[in-house]
């Protein structure tokens, strides 16, 4: 059996976090029924689109976060649709929803209503700020999580405005956390025969993650330090992005790792300079030292491709990595050898997806994301005609 085979999940509300959480269940064998309004999941309208042509079935983000699911159209403003959802909930093990706090309850579909028809149900509610508290009804976004959560204050140049990292890292992390919590709750519900309601806050997920939020908060809690923007590692040693022959590399060098870098560079002038530093340690934290390092580092990098620089550095256990474009990642020999990327056939064409987040025997079998309402008739025709 596949990991989640035999588990039925209903997804209500959509959005990247809920989509990604339920996608993990779907690709590992669960039956995930995606309940969509007539306008569809808002992720269907997110750029980019396949071939740059707007299409409710062609959003790259939607295709990535909704593999292996079934789509059912239900307008929950209508009582008959709400009745149908209750009937579906009676057959489900899990409901993942991302509506505003209280929205399901206002429609007669809240936790107390759902457990009447399925006493061992797991309900996972994903919202920006949680089910209660002063911010509960606020809207959220990746930008808001970064700004309110702290890390944006440390991103960017010290004399410029704060900046956010690209993409939707916080939101995907929220979905990942929701999936993990839901998996655990399924075991609890099955073992104890009781329902479980999980409250996932995107804002709090970010604050408790291993990103810089926790580091910055701990630094302040212990010594009152406010981490400045810019290169928080600072100092004379190379840290950050540097040019190579065909692009850029990223590196970190600490004083303990300095011998590793010097071993890789094998520069006679730099070795002679640090022999003098050993005799006079006060020379280390000077611009002269930085210039000596740069004089060896830049020629070494600029005569190598970023891939060559990474491989040469890693042989000396110096943490230097190539900064790759998406195309280069797709062509990376390591991922190719491991068969990481997966091709899925969809009506819009062949779509390449990142592979399994973890490997387990017979576990990962993604199929195409559903077209809007593709499974409505097939799913609803199985429901009993009598009312609950």
Protein backbone atom coordinates (compact mmCIF):
# COMPACT_ATOMS: atom_id res chain seq x y z
CA UNK A 1 0.00 0.00 0.00
CA UNK A 2 1.02 3.60 -0.58
CA UNK A 3 1.61 5.72 2.48
CA UNK A 4 -1.81 7.42 2.70
CA UNK A 5 -3.85 4.94 0.67
CA UNK A 6 -7.37 4.60 2.06
CA UNK A 7 -7.47 8.14 3.50
CA UNK A 8 -10.00 10.61 2.09
CA UNK A 9 -9.23 14.32 2.40
CA UNK A 10 -11.52 17.24 1.60
CA UNK A 11 -9.89 20.58 0.81
CA UNK A 12 -11.94 23.78 1.13
CA UNK A 13 -10.78 27.31 0.37
CA UNK A 14 -7.61 26.72 -1.62
CA UNK A 15 -4.58 28.98 -1.53
CA UNK A 16 -0.96 27.82 -1.76
CA UNK A 17 -0.64 26.65 1.87
CA UNK A 18 -3.75 24.45 1.82
CA UNK A 19 -3.03 23.31 -1.74
CA UNK A 20 0.50 22.20 -0.86
CA UNK A 21 -0.55 20.49 2.38
CA UNK A 22 -3.18 18.36 0.65
CA UNK A 23 -0.96 17.78 -2.39
CA UNK A 24 1.47 15.90 -0.12
CA UNK A 25 -1.39 13.60 0.93
CA UNK A 26 -2.57 13.15 -2.66
CA UNK A 27 0.80 12.28 -4.16
CA UNK A 28 1.39 9.68 -1.44
CA UNK A 29 -1.87 7.88 -2.12
CA UNK A 30 -4.74 9.68 -0.37
CA UNK A 31 -7.91 10.56 -2.23
CA UNK A 32 -8.03 14.36 -2.09
CA UNK A 33 -11.27 16.01 -3.17
CA UNK A 34 -10.80 19.68 -3.84
CA UNK A 35 -14.01 21.65 -3.14
CA UNK A 36 -13.97 24.71 -5.41
CA UNK A 37 -16.42 27.60 -5.86
CA UNK A 38 -17.64 28.36 -9.41
CA UNK A 39 -14.73 30.80 -9.82
CA UNK A 40 -12.23 28.13 -8.77
CA UNK A 41 -9.31 28.16 -6.37
CA UNK A 42 -7.66 31.63 -6.52
CA UNK A 43 -4.35 29.89 -7.21
CA UNK A 44 -5.74 29.03 -10.65
CA UNK A 45 -5.34 32.72 -11.50
CA UNK A 46 -1.72 33.04 -10.36
CA UNK A 47 1.03 33.74 -12.89
CA UNK A 48 2.96 32.34 -14.64
CA UNK A 49 0.72 30.46 -17.06
CA UNK A 50 1.78 27.73 -19.46
CA UNK A 51 2.73 29.49 -22.69
CA UNK A 52 1.99 32.85 -21.01
CA UNK A 53 -1.71 32.40 -21.88
CA UNK A 54 -4.09 33.03 -18.93
CA UNK A 55 -6.06 29.84 -18.34
CA UNK A 56 -7.84 28.59 -15.21
CA UNK A 57 -6.28 25.18 -15.89
CA UNK A 58 -2.82 26.46 -16.86
CA UNK A 59 -1.34 28.27 -13.84
CA UNK A 60 2.09 26.81 -13.14
CA UNK A 61 1.64 27.32 -9.39
CA UNK A 62 -1.72 25.57 -9.46
CA UNK A 63 -0.39 22.68 -11.53
CA UNK A 64 2.47 22.25 -9.04
CA UNK A 65 0.41 22.40 -5.83
CA UNK A 66 -2.59 20.35 -6.93
CA UNK A 67 -1.28 17.16 -8.48
CA UNK A 68 -3.24 13.94 -7.97
CA UNK A 69 -6.43 15.63 -6.74
CA UNK A 70 -10.08 15.63 -7.81
CA UNK A 71 -11.99 18.88 -8.37
CA UNK A 72 -15.64 19.26 -7.32
CA UNK A 73 -17.56 22.50 -7.85
CA UNK A 74 -19.77 23.45 -4.90
CA UNK A 75 -21.15 26.94 -4.32
CA UNK A 76 -21.32 26.91 -0.52
CA UNK A 77 -23.64 29.93 -0.60
CA UNK A 78 -26.29 27.42 -1.65
CA UNK A 79 -27.93 25.14 0.95
CA UNK A 80 -27.93 22.10 -1.33
CA UNK A 81 -24.16 22.48 -1.79
CA UNK A 82 -23.68 22.67 1.98
CA UNK A 83 -25.76 19.53 2.37
CA UNK A 84 -23.59 17.80 -0.20
CA UNK A 85 -20.45 18.87 1.63
CA UNK A 86 -21.77 17.41 4.90
CA UNK A 87 -22.42 14.12 3.11
CA UNK A 88 -18.89 14.15 1.75
CA UNK A 89 -17.50 14.97 5.21
CA UNK A 90 -19.26 11.89 6.58
CA UNK A 91 -17.03 9.79 4.30
CA UNK A 92 -13.80 11.72 4.94
CA UNK A 93 -10.94 11.26 7.38
CA UNK A 94 -9.59 14.80 7.04
CA UNK A 95 -10.88 18.24 6.11
CA UNK A 96 -8.33 20.97 5.37
CA UNK A 97 -9.85 24.45 5.14
CA UNK A 98 -8.41 27.92 4.61
CA UNK A 99 -11.43 30.21 4.96
CA UNK A 100 -11.57 33.08 7.44
CA UNK A 101 -12.07 32.09 11.09
CA UNK A 102 -15.73 31.39 11.72
CA UNK A 103 -16.69 31.22 8.04
CA UNK A 104 -17.43 27.49 8.02
CA UNK A 105 -19.34 27.66 11.30
CA UNK A 106 -21.49 30.48 9.91
CA UNK A 107 -22.55 28.12 7.12
CA UNK A 108 -23.34 25.27 9.49
CA UNK A 109 -20.11 23.50 8.53
CA UNK A 110 -17.94 24.24 11.55
CA UNK A 111 -16.00 21.69 13.60
CA UNK A 112 -19.00 20.90 15.83
CA UNK A 113 -21.20 20.37 12.78
CA UNK A 114 -18.69 18.17 10.95
CA UNK A 115 -17.97 15.84 13.86
CA UNK A 116 -21.68 15.07 14.13
CA UNK A 117 -21.44 13.29 10.80
CA UNK A 118 -17.86 12.02 11.24
CA UNK A 119 -16.91 11.55 14.92
CA UNK A 120 -13.24 10.80 14.18
CA UNK A 121 -12.68 13.68 11.77
CA UNK A 122 -9.46 15.71 11.64
CA UNK A 123 -10.17 19.35 10.75
CA UNK A 124 -7.12 21.43 9.87
CA UNK A 125 -7.79 25.17 9.67
CA UNK A 126 -5.13 27.28 7.93
CA UNK A 127 -5.36 31.06 8.32
CA UNK A 128 -2.89 33.96 8.32
CA UNK A 129 -3.11 34.64 12.08
CA UNK A 130 -5.02 31.78 13.67
CA UNK A 131 -8.59 31.20 14.80
CA UNK A 132 -8.61 33.84 17.53
CA UNK A 133 -6.73 36.89 18.80
CA UNK A 134 -6.70 40.56 17.73
CA UNK A 135 -5.38 39.78 14.22
CA UNK A 136 -7.63 36.79 13.50
CA UNK A 137 -9.68 38.52 10.79
CA UNK A 138 -6.71 40.23 9.13
CA UNK A 139 -5.64 39.23 5.64
CA UNK A 140 -2.16 37.79 5.27
CA UNK A 141 0.47 37.34 2.58
CA UNK A 142 4.10 36.38 2.19
CA UNK A 143 5.06 40.06 2.40
CA UNK A 144 3.06 40.54 5.60
CA UNK A 145 4.57 37.45 7.26
CA UNK A 146 8.08 38.69 6.50
CA UNK A 147 7.34 42.24 7.60
CA UNK A 148 5.45 41.49 10.80
CA UNK A 149 7.52 38.41 11.62
CA UNK A 150 10.86 40.19 11.79
CA UNK A 151 13.21 38.84 9.11
CA UNK A 152 12.54 41.61 6.60
CA UNK A 153 14.10 44.07 9.03
CA UNK A 154 17.36 42.17 8.54
CA UNK A 155 17.19 41.83 4.74
CA UNK A 156 18.75 44.26 2.30
CA UNK A 157 21.47 46.89 2.52
CA UNK A 158 21.81 48.73 5.80
CA UNK A 159 21.28 52.13 4.16
CA UNK A 160 18.33 51.04 1.97
CA UNK A 161 14.74 49.92 2.56
CA UNK A 162 14.12 46.38 3.90
CA UNK A 163 13.43 43.70 1.28
CA UNK A 164 11.65 40.33 1.19
CA UNK A 165 13.14 37.13 -0.12
CA UNK A 166 11.63 36.03 -3.42
CA UNK A 167 8.86 33.49 -3.81
CA UNK A 168 6.45 32.06 -1.23
CA UNK A 169 8.77 30.32 1.23
CA UNK A 170 6.72 31.19 4.33
CA UNK A 171 3.46 30.07 2.74
CA UNK A 172 4.89 26.76 1.53
CA UNK A 173 6.34 26.23 5.00
CA UNK A 174 2.85 26.81 6.40
CA UNK A 175 1.50 24.10 4.11
CA UNK A 176 4.32 21.76 5.07
CA UNK A 177 3.63 22.33 8.76
CA UNK A 178 -0.10 21.79 8.23
CA UNK A 179 0.56 18.47 6.48
CA UNK A 180 2.85 17.28 9.28
CA UNK A 181 0.37 18.23 12.00
CA UNK A 182 -2.49 16.61 10.07
CA UNK A 183 -0.57 13.35 9.68
CA UNK A 184 -0.02 13.22 13.43
CA UNK A 185 -3.66 14.08 14.11
CA UNK A 186 -4.88 11.23 11.89
CA UNK A 187 -2.97 8.80 14.13
CA UNK A 188 -4.52 10.39 17.22
CA UNK A 189 -8.04 10.29 15.78
CA UNK A 190 -7.68 6.66 14.75
CA UNK A 191 -6.00 5.59 17.99
CA UNK A 192 -8.31 7.41 20.40
CA UNK A 193 -11.48 7.49 18.33
CA UNK A 194 -11.86 11.22 18.88
CA UNK A 195 -11.94 14.23 16.52
CA UNK A 196 -9.07 16.71 16.33
CA UNK A 197 -9.14 20.39 15.30
CA UNK A 198 -5.76 21.85 14.26
CA UNK A 199 -5.28 25.62 14.20
CA UNK A 200 -2.47 26.59 11.79
CA UNK A 201 -1.34 30.23 11.70
CA UNK A 202 0.89 31.18 8.78
CA UNK A 203 2.35 34.03 10.80
CA UNK A 204 3.21 31.80 13.77
CA UNK A 205 4.56 29.05 11.52
CA UNK A 206 7.06 31.56 10.18
CA UNK A 207 7.97 32.82 13.65
CA UNK A 208 8.66 29.30 14.90
CA UNK A 209 10.56 28.11 11.80
CA UNK A 210 14.31 27.71 11.46
CA UNK A 211 14.50 30.82 9.27
CA UNK A 212 16.17 33.90 10.76
CA UNK A 213 13.09 34.92 12.74
CA UNK A 214 13.92 32.58 15.61
CA UNK A 215 17.61 33.48 15.50
CA UNK A 216 16.87 37.20 15.63
CA UNK A 217 14.32 36.81 18.42
CA UNK A 218 16.69 34.70 20.51
CA UNK A 219 19.51 37.20 20.04
CA UNK A 220 17.25 39.95 21.30
CA UNK A 221 15.89 37.86 24.17
CA UNK A 222 19.35 36.97 25.47
CA UNK A 223 21.30 40.17 24.99
CA UNK A 224 18.94 42.83 23.65
CA UNK A 225 20.72 42.84 20.28
CA UNK A 226 18.77 44.15 17.28
CA UNK A 227 20.16 42.48 14.17
CA UNK A 228 21.01 45.11 11.52
CA UNK A 229 20.26 44.86 7.84
CA UNK A 230 23.02 43.91 5.49
CA UNK A 231 25.61 41.18 5.91
CA UNK A 232 24.88 40.00 9.44
CA UNK A 233 28.05 37.88 9.43
CA UNK A 234 30.14 40.99 8.76
CA UNK A 235 33.89 41.07 9.19
CA UNK A 236 36.84 40.83 6.84
CA UNK A 237 36.16 37.33 5.55
CA UNK A 238 34.20 36.64 2.33
CA UNK A 239 30.49 36.08 2.92
CA UNK A 240 27.75 36.40 0.31
CA UNK A 241 27.63 36.29 -3.49
CA UNK A 242 30.74 36.56 -5.66
CA UNK A 243 31.24 36.48 -9.45
CA UNK A 244 32.56 33.41 -11.25
CA UNK A 245 33.30 32.93 -14.96
CA UNK A 246 29.66 32.26 -15.89
CA UNK A 247 27.59 33.64 -13.02
CA UNK A 248 27.72 33.83 -9.25
CA UNK A 249 28.55 31.64 -6.29
CA UNK A 250 27.54 31.93 -2.64
CA UNK A 251 30.04 31.34 0.13
CA UNK A 252 30.50 31.63 3.87
CA UNK A 253 33.92 31.82 5.52
CA UNK A 254 34.47 31.93 9.26
CA UNK A 255 37.83 32.25 10.97
CA UNK A 256 37.71 28.51 11.73
CA UNK A 257 37.03 27.75 8.04
CA UNK A 258 39.67 30.16 6.72
CA UNK A 259 42.29 27.37 6.34
CA UNK A 260 39.84 25.44 4.12
CA UNK A 261 39.48 28.40 1.76
CA UNK A 262 43.23 28.97 1.69
CA UNK A 263 43.81 25.29 0.95
CA UNK A 264 41.45 25.52 -2.04
CA UNK A 265 42.93 28.80 -3.33
CA UNK A 266 46.52 27.55 -2.98
CA UNK A 267 47.79 31.11 -3.46
CA UNK A 268 51.44 31.65 -2.47
CA UNK A 269 51.01 35.38 -1.83
CA UNK A 270 48.00 34.82 0.41
CA UNK A 271 49.81 32.07 2.35
CA UNK A 272 52.79 34.38 2.85
CA UNK A 273 50.50 37.18 4.03
CA UNK A 274 48.82 35.00 6.65
CA UNK A 275 52.21 33.80 7.84
CA UNK A 276 52.80 37.45 8.80
CA UNK A 277 49.33 37.62 10.41
CA UNK A 278 50.24 34.63 12.56
CA UNK A 279 53.17 36.64 13.91
CA UNK A 280 51.05 39.77 14.39
CA UNK A 281 47.34 38.86 14.98
CA UNK A 282 46.35 42.54 15.10
CA UNK A 283 46.77 42.54 11.30
CA UNK A 284 43.79 40.21 10.86
CA UNK A 285 40.91 42.66 11.29
CA UNK A 286 42.21 45.21 8.80
CA UNK A 287 41.34 46.30 5.29
CA UNK A 288 44.80 45.11 4.25
CA UNK A 289 43.75 41.56 5.10
CA UNK A 290 40.52 41.89 3.14
CA UNK A 291 42.47 43.19 0.12
CA UNK A 292 44.92 40.29 0.37
CA UNK A 293 42.06 37.78 0.40
CA UNK A 294 40.25 39.49 -2.47
CA UNK A 295 43.44 39.52 -4.53
CA UNK A 296 43.50 35.72 -4.35
CA UNK A 297 39.76 35.00 -4.32
CA UNK A 298 38.54 36.95 -7.33
CA UNK A 299 41.08 35.60 -9.89
CA UNK A 300 40.43 32.06 -8.59
CA UNK A 301 36.68 32.43 -9.09
CA UNK A 302 36.82 34.27 -12.42
CA UNK A 303 38.90 31.52 -14.02
CA UNK A 304 36.33 28.86 -13.10
CA UNK A 305 32.71 28.24 -13.91
CA UNK A 306 30.47 28.39 -10.87
CA UNK A 307 30.05 24.59 -11.01
CA UNK A 308 33.84 24.08 -11.14
CA UNK A 309 34.36 26.53 -8.28
CA UNK A 310 31.78 24.69 -6.17
CA UNK A 311 33.28 21.28 -6.84
CA UNK A 312 36.84 22.48 -6.17
CA UNK A 313 35.83 24.24 -2.95
CA UNK A 314 33.78 21.31 -1.66
CA UNK A 315 36.79 19.02 -2.03
CA UNK A 316 38.43 21.17 0.64
CA UNK A 317 35.21 21.27 2.75
CA UNK A 318 34.86 24.98 2.04
CA UNK A 319 31.10 25.76 1.85
CA UNK A 320 30.85 27.43 -1.54
CA UNK A 321 27.89 26.72 -3.84
CA UNK A 322 26.84 27.73 -7.33
CA UNK A 323 23.88 30.11 -7.61
CA UNK A 324 21.88 28.37 -10.32
CA UNK A 325 19.08 29.49 -12.59
CA UNK A 326 15.89 27.37 -12.71
CA UNK A 327 17.02 25.90 -16.04
CA UNK A 328 20.38 24.94 -14.56
CA UNK A 329 18.67 23.27 -11.61
CA UNK A 330 16.57 21.17 -14.01
CA UNK A 331 19.77 20.09 -15.79
CA UNK A 332 21.78 19.44 -12.61
CA UNK A 333 23.54 16.06 -12.83
CA UNK A 334 22.85 15.17 -9.18
CA UNK A 335 19.08 15.60 -9.52
CA UNK A 336 19.12 13.77 -12.84
CA UNK A 337 20.97 10.77 -11.44
CA UNK A 338 18.52 10.56 -8.53
CA UNK A 339 15.55 10.95 -10.89
CA UNK A 340 14.23 13.81 -8.79
CA UNK A 341 12.15 15.73 -11.31
CA UNK A 342 8.88 14.18 -12.45
CA UNK A 343 7.06 14.69 -15.75
CA UNK A 344 3.25 14.71 -15.59
CA UNK A 345 1.00 14.75 -18.65
CA UNK A 346 -1.80 17.34 -18.48
CA UNK A 347 -4.20 18.69 -21.14
CA UNK A 348 -2.09 21.88 -21.24
CA UNK A 349 1.01 19.80 -22.02
CA UNK A 350 3.78 17.96 -20.22
CA UNK A 351 4.58 19.60 -16.88
CA UNK A 352 7.85 19.04 -15.00
CA UNK A 353 7.41 18.93 -11.22
CA UNK A 354 9.91 18.81 -8.35
CA UNK A 355 9.98 15.29 -6.99
CA UNK A 356 9.17 13.68 -3.68
CA UNK A 357 10.06 15.64 -0.51
CA UNK A 358 10.96 12.28 1.01
CA UNK A 359 11.38 8.83 -0.50
CA UNK A 360 9.50 5.79 0.69
CA UNK A 361 8.97 2.53 -1.16
CA UNK A 362 6.06 2.75 -3.58
CA UNK A 363 5.13 6.13 -2.21
CA UNK A 364 5.27 8.99 -4.70
CA UNK A 365 3.05 8.80 -7.80
CA UNK A 366 1.85 12.26 -8.90
CA UNK A 367 -0.78 12.63 -11.58
CA UNK A 368 -2.03 15.77 -13.31
CA UNK A 369 -3.76 18.56 -11.39
CA UNK A 370 -7.53 18.55 -12.03
CA UNK A 371 -9.33 20.82 -14.44
CA UNK A 372 -11.91 23.05 -12.76
CA UNK A 373 -14.89 20.91 -11.76
CA UNK A 374 -13.52 17.86 -13.57
CA UNK A 375 -14.85 15.34 -11.02
CA UNK A 376 -18.04 17.05 -9.83
CA UNK A 377 -20.51 14.67 -11.44
CA UNK A 378 -18.55 11.52 -10.62
CA UNK A 379 -18.16 12.38 -6.93
CA UNK A 380 -21.61 13.85 -6.24
CA UNK A 381 -23.35 10.95 -7.96
CA UNK A 382 -22.05 8.65 -5.20
CA UNK A 383 -23.73 10.62 -2.39
CA UNK A 384 -26.92 9.32 -0.79
CA UNK A 385 -30.04 11.15 -1.88
CA UNK A 386 -31.56 11.29 1.60
CA UNK A 387 -30.78 14.37 3.71
CA UNK A 388 -28.57 14.17 6.79
